[in-house]
Amino acid sequence: MTTITTPAAVTATPAAMPSVHRRALITWLAVYPTITLALALLGPEMGGLPVFVKTLILTVIVVPVSAYLLVPLLMKANQRLAVWARR
């Protein structure tokens, strides 16, 4: 007879995902300020470019910053807030 053991981290239940509405809010909280900042900084330099080029430039900046930096940070903050609120 073979006994299989697994680490506690693997068997622990993952933290509950926030609702789709909360995830949408978190995404918006990451994207809106990033777009606003990018437009404020780059808007004058992009003045004469066609709108599809402006959109390309903005999305090349905003999507990675939001997806890889801001949304994960906001999700962690949301999780900490949820734990704190349960106390």
Protein backbone atom coordinates (compact mmCIF):
# COMPACT_ATOMS: atom_id res chain seq x y z
CA MET A 1 0.00 0.00 0.00
CA THR A 2 1.34 3.43 -1.00
CA THR A 3 0.62 6.61 0.90
CA ILE A 4 0.65 9.84 -1.05
CA THR A 5 1.23 13.03 0.85
CA THR A 6 0.86 16.53 -0.51
CA PRO A 7 2.15 19.80 0.83
CA ALA A 8 -0.32 21.84 2.84
CA ALA A 9 -0.10 24.73 0.38
CA VAL A 10 -1.38 22.52 -2.42
CA THR A 11 -4.32 21.16 -0.45
CA ALA A 12 -5.34 24.47 1.12
CA THR A 13 -8.42 26.04 -0.37
CA PRO A 14 -7.65 29.05 -2.53
CA ALA A 15 -8.94 32.45 -1.52
CA ALA A 16 -12.37 33.12 -2.90
CA MET A 17 -12.38 35.11 -6.11
CA PRO A 18 -14.17 38.43 -5.91
CA SER A 19 -17.44 38.75 -7.80
CA VAL A 20 -17.39 39.68 -11.47
CA HIS A 21 -18.65 43.13 -10.51
CA ARG A 22 -15.82 43.69 -8.04
CA ARG A 23 -13.26 42.42 -10.60
CA ALA A 24 -14.69 44.86 -13.15
CA LEU A 25 -14.35 47.70 -10.64
CA ILE A 26 -10.78 46.67 -9.82
CA THR A 27 -9.91 46.57 -13.52
CA TRP A 28 -11.49 49.99 -14.06
CA LEU A 29 -9.56 51.38 -11.07
CA ALA A 30 -6.36 50.21 -12.75
CA VAL A 31 -7.16 51.22 -16.34
CA TYR A 32 -8.81 54.64 -15.98
CA PRO A 33 -6.00 56.42 -14.09
CA THR A 34 -3.39 54.78 -16.32
CA ILE A 35 -5.12 56.00 -19.48
CA THR A 36 -5.59 59.45 -17.97
CA LEU A 37 -1.92 59.71 -17.00
CA ALA A 38 -0.74 58.41 -20.37
CA LEU A 39 -2.96 60.90 -22.20
CA ALA A 40 -1.78 63.75 -19.99
CA LEU A 41 1.88 62.89 -20.61
CA LEU A 42 1.73 61.83 -24.25
CA GLY A 43 -1.30 63.73 -25.56
CA PRO A 44 0.54 66.81 -26.82
CA GLU A 45 3.21 64.72 -28.56
CA MET A 46 0.57 62.56 -30.27
CA GLY A 47 -1.53 65.51 -31.45
CA GLY A 48 -1.03 65.05 -35.18
CA LEU A 49 -1.21 61.26 -35.27
CA PRO A 50 -4.23 59.37 -36.59
CA VAL A 51 -6.57 58.09 -33.88
CA PHE A 52 -5.71 54.42 -34.53
CA VAL A 53 -2.01 55.16 -33.95
CA LYS A 54 -2.81 57.05 -30.73
CA THR A 55 -4.91 54.10 -29.59
CA LEU A 56 -2.11 51.66 -30.44
CA ILE A 57 0.42 53.69 -28.46
CA LEU A 58 -1.89 54.01 -25.47
CA THR A 59 -2.80 50.32 -25.40
CA VAL A 60 0.84 49.26 -25.69
CA ILE A 61 1.45 51.21 -22.48
CA VAL A 62 -1.82 50.78 -20.57
CA VAL A 63 -2.50 47.06 -21.04
CA PRO A 64 0.80 45.71 -19.66
CA VAL A 65 0.93 48.25 -16.81
CA SER A 66 -2.62 47.40 -15.82
CA ALA A 67 -2.50 43.63 -16.37
CA TYR A 68 0.90 42.88 -14.86
CA LEU A 69 1.25 45.56 -12.19
CA LEU A 70 -1.90 47.40 -11.14
CA VAL A 71 -4.61 44.72 -11.29
CA PRO A 72 -2.54 42.21 -9.26
CA LEU A 73 -1.76 44.90 -6.67
CA LEU A 74 -5.41 45.90 -6.44
CA MET A 75 -6.51 42.25 -6.20
CA LYS A 76 -4.12 41.75 -3.27
CA ALA A 77 -5.41 44.92 -1.62
CA ASN A 78 -8.97 43.69 -2.15
CA GLN A 79 -8.12 40.35 -0.55
CA ARG A 80 -6.54 42.09 2.47
CA LEU A 81 -9.58 44.34 2.75
CA ALA A 82 -11.91 41.33 2.65
CA VAL A 83 -9.93 39.58 5.41
CA TRP A 84 -9.91 42.76 7.50
CA ALA A 85 -13.68 43.24 7.01
CA ARG A 86 -14.39 39.70 8.28
CA ARG A 87 -12.78 40.47 11.65
